[in-house]
Protein backbone atom coordinates (compact mmCIF):
# COMPACT_ATOMS: atom_id res chain seq x y z
CA MET A 1 0.00 0.00 0.00
CA ALA A 2 1.33 3.44 -0.89
CA ALA A 3 2.20 5.91 1.85
CA ARG A 4 -0.55 8.29 2.87
CA ASN A 5 -0.31 11.81 1.53
CA PRO A 6 0.89 13.85 4.55
CA ARG A 7 -1.51 16.72 3.83
CA SER A 8 -5.03 16.29 5.18
CA GLU A 9 -7.99 18.59 5.50
CA LEU A 10 -10.50 18.74 8.35
CA TYR A 11 -14.24 18.70 7.71
CA VAL A 12 -16.95 19.32 10.29
CA VAL A 13 -20.69 18.88 9.77
CA ARG A 14 -23.43 19.37 12.36
CA VAL A 15 -27.05 18.43 11.80
CA THR A 16 -30.00 18.18 14.17
CA PHE A 17 -32.64 15.51 13.57
CA ASP A 18 -36.23 15.55 14.79
CA ALA A 19 -35.91 12.00 16.14
CA PRO A 20 -34.63 10.44 19.38
CA LEU A 21 -30.99 9.41 19.75
CA GLY A 22 -31.60 5.64 19.63
CA PHE A 23 -33.51 5.90 16.37
CA VAL A 24 -30.85 8.16 14.82
CA PHE A 25 -28.04 5.80 15.81
CA ARG A 26 -29.79 2.73 14.38
CA TRP A 27 -30.76 4.53 11.17
CA CYS A 28 -27.29 6.02 10.55
CA THR A 29 -25.49 2.73 11.19
CA ASP A 30 -27.81 0.47 9.19
CA PHE A 31 -25.54 0.25 6.15
CA SER A 32 -27.15 -1.11 2.99
CA PRO A 33 -26.46 -1.48 -0.75
CA ALA A 34 -29.28 1.04 -1.33
CA ASP A 35 -27.57 3.84 0.66
CA PRO A 36 -26.00 5.66 -2.33
CA GLY A 37 -29.55 6.26 -3.56
CA LEU A 38 -30.13 8.50 -0.55
CA GLU A 39 -27.61 10.89 -2.12
CA GLY A 40 -29.27 10.58 -5.51
CA ASP A 41 -26.26 8.60 -6.75
CA ASP A 42 -27.64 5.92 -9.04
CA GLY A 43 -24.21 5.13 -10.48
CA CYS A 44 -22.62 3.98 -7.24
CA GLN A 45 -22.66 0.30 -6.33
CA ARG A 46 -22.28 -0.61 -2.66
CA LYS A 47 -21.43 -4.08 -1.40
CA VAL A 48 -21.72 -4.73 2.31
CA LEU A 49 -18.97 -7.28 2.99
CA SER A 50 -19.72 -7.87 6.68
CA LYS A 51 -22.11 -6.41 9.20
CA GLY A 52 -21.82 -7.13 12.90
CA SER A 53 -22.90 -5.50 16.14
CA ARG A 54 -19.56 -3.65 16.48
CA GLU A 55 -18.12 -3.46 12.95
CA VAL A 56 -19.29 -2.97 9.37
CA LEU A 57 -17.15 -3.39 6.27
CA TYR A 58 -18.33 -2.22 2.85
CA GLU A 59 -17.04 -1.14 -0.55
CA ASP A 60 -18.31 1.42 -3.04
CA LEU A 61 -17.61 1.33 -6.77
CA GLU A 62 -18.66 3.91 -9.31
CA GLU A 63 -17.69 4.89 -12.80
CA SER A 64 -15.40 7.89 -12.97
CA PRO A 65 -16.51 10.85 -15.10
CA VAL A 66 -13.03 10.82 -16.70
CA GLY A 67 -12.91 7.07 -17.33
CA GLY A 68 -12.16 4.08 -15.17
CA TRP A 69 -13.58 3.33 -11.74
CA LEU A 70 -13.56 5.01 -8.35
CA TRP A 71 -13.28 2.51 -5.51
CA SER A 72 -13.35 2.83 -1.73
CA ARG A 73 -13.45 0.44 1.22
CA TRP A 74 -14.88 1.53 4.56
CA LYS A 75 -14.33 -0.08 7.94
CA VAL A 76 -16.84 1.31 10.44
CA THR A 77 -16.46 0.67 14.16
CA LEU A 78 -19.77 1.03 16.02
CA GLN A 79 -19.73 2.40 19.56
CA PRO A 80 -23.35 2.30 20.73
CA PRO A 81 -25.32 4.11 21.82
CA ASP A 82 -24.00 7.41 20.49
CA ARG A 83 -20.95 7.19 18.22
CA TRP A 84 -19.13 5.40 15.45
CA HIS A 85 -15.85 5.77 13.58
CA GLY A 86 -15.08 5.16 9.91
CA GLU A 87 -11.77 4.60 8.12
CA SER A 88 -11.65 4.50 4.35
CA ILE A 89 -9.07 3.77 1.71
CA GLY A 90 -9.76 4.32 -1.94
CA SER A 91 -8.49 4.96 -5.41
CA THR A 92 -8.67 8.76 -5.07
CA ARG A 93 -8.70 9.53 -1.35
CA GLU A 94 -8.68 8.30 2.25
CA TRP A 95 -10.93 9.31 5.15
CA SER A 96 -10.92 9.07 8.92
CA VAL A 97 -14.26 10.18 10.38
CA ASN A 98 -15.73 10.36 13.88
CA TYR A 99 -19.49 10.60 14.31
CA ARG A 100 -21.00 11.61 17.66
CA LEU A 101 -24.64 11.95 18.65
CA ALA A 102 -26.02 14.08 21.50
CA ALA A 103 -29.60 14.22 22.71
CA VAL A 104 -30.85 17.81 22.44
CA SER A 105 -34.20 16.74 23.91
CA PRO A 106 -36.06 13.42 24.15
CA THR A 107 -37.16 13.85 20.52
CA ARG A 108 -34.21 15.73 18.96
CA THR A 109 -30.64 14.57 18.32
CA GLU A 110 -27.59 16.43 17.09
CA LEU A 111 -24.94 14.69 15.01
CA THR A 112 -21.42 16.07 14.83
CA LEU A 113 -19.19 14.63 12.12
CA LYS A 114 -15.48 15.43 12.24
CA GLY A 115 -13.35 13.95 9.51
CA ARG A 116 -9.99 14.20 7.84
CA ARG A 117 -9.53 13.58 4.14
CA TRP A 118 -6.33 12.81 2.28
CA SER A 119 -6.15 12.94 -1.51
CA ALA A 120 -4.29 10.12 -3.22
CA ARG A 121 -0.88 11.13 -4.50
CA LEU A 122 -1.46 9.63 -7.93
CA THR A 123 -4.65 11.48 -8.78
CA GLY A 124 -4.83 14.81 -10.54
CA LYS A 125 -6.32 17.88 -9.00
CA GLY A 126 -9.27 16.84 -6.88
CA PRO A 127 -12.16 18.82 -5.47
CA THR A 128 -11.44 21.85 -3.31
CA HIS A 129 -12.04 21.88 0.44
CA ARG A 130 -15.10 24.07 -0.15
CA GLN A 131 -16.52 21.62 -2.72
CA VAL A 132 -16.05 18.60 -0.43
CA GLN A 133 -17.57 20.49 2.54
CA ALA A 134 -20.57 21.57 0.44
CA ASN A 135 -21.03 17.99 -0.80
CA LEU A 136 -20.95 16.62 2.76
CA GLU A 137 -23.46 19.21 3.96
CA GLY A 138 -25.75 18.54 1.00
CA ASN A 139 -25.63 14.78 1.58
CA TRP A 140 -26.44 15.19 5.27
CA ASP A 141 -29.38 17.45 4.37
CA LEU A 142 -30.69 14.58 2.23
CA PHE A 143 -30.03 12.04 5.01
CA LYS A 144 -31.89 14.30 7.48
CA GLN A 145 -34.94 14.41 5.21
CA ALA A 146 -34.95 10.63 4.73
CA LEU A 147 -34.31 9.86 8.41
CA GLU A 148 -37.07 12.17 9.63
CA LYS A 149 -39.50 10.76 7.06
CA ASP A 150 -38.68 7.23 8.21
CA PHE A 151 -39.13 8.27 11.85
CA ARG A 152 -42.54 9.82 11.14
CA ASN A 153 -43.59 6.69 9.20
CA SER A 154 -42.37 4.38 11.96
CA LYS A 155 -44.26 6.23 14.69
CA GLY A 156 -41.07 5.91 16.73
CA SER A 157 -40.84 2.14 16.59
CA ALA A 158 -37.51 0.35 16.36
CA PRO A 159 -35.63 -0.79 14.42
CA PRO A 160 -35.98 1.73 11.59
CA VAL A 161 -36.57 0.72 8.02
CA ARG A 162 -35.08 3.18 5.61
CA SER A 163 -37.31 4.38 2.84
CA ARG A 164 -34.28 5.03 0.60
CA THR A 165 -36.15 8.05 -0.74
CA ARG A 166 -34.38 9.77 -3.58
CA ARG A 167 -34.49 13.46 -4.22
CA VAL A 168 -34.44 14.61 -7.81
CA ARG A 169 -31.71 17.17 -8.38
């Protein structure tokens, strides 16, 4: 494996959900092959390789707009009831991300995502920090909509079943 690019960039996203902490944790850590559809990404294929009570391993594969394939592998360590950590390697970048939930009230939960991203040394000029941050925030806006819809439809029952609702861009 090639050495990690020494330059990383920090990303922080905060989002508050109108759903209790337990529901939010289960929904956010219920990884599925349909998850890329939540972002409106029909071209991404996700394969969940293993899914346990403390660890999830999955890979994403999508066609690159400039030819070839973009690949990534995520190892997610679950730390119930309120956090998880993801490490990713891939063809164009690496990530290390911490997710932490906090109950704002019995029916509201705040998620704080703090992650570092490293671009692969062999790739050309990638997206800017601002573009990656905007993409993360946009994706979490979509996740918020889907999560809250699923919570309303579930009437607060557990475990959640994701609707995998897609938003047309």
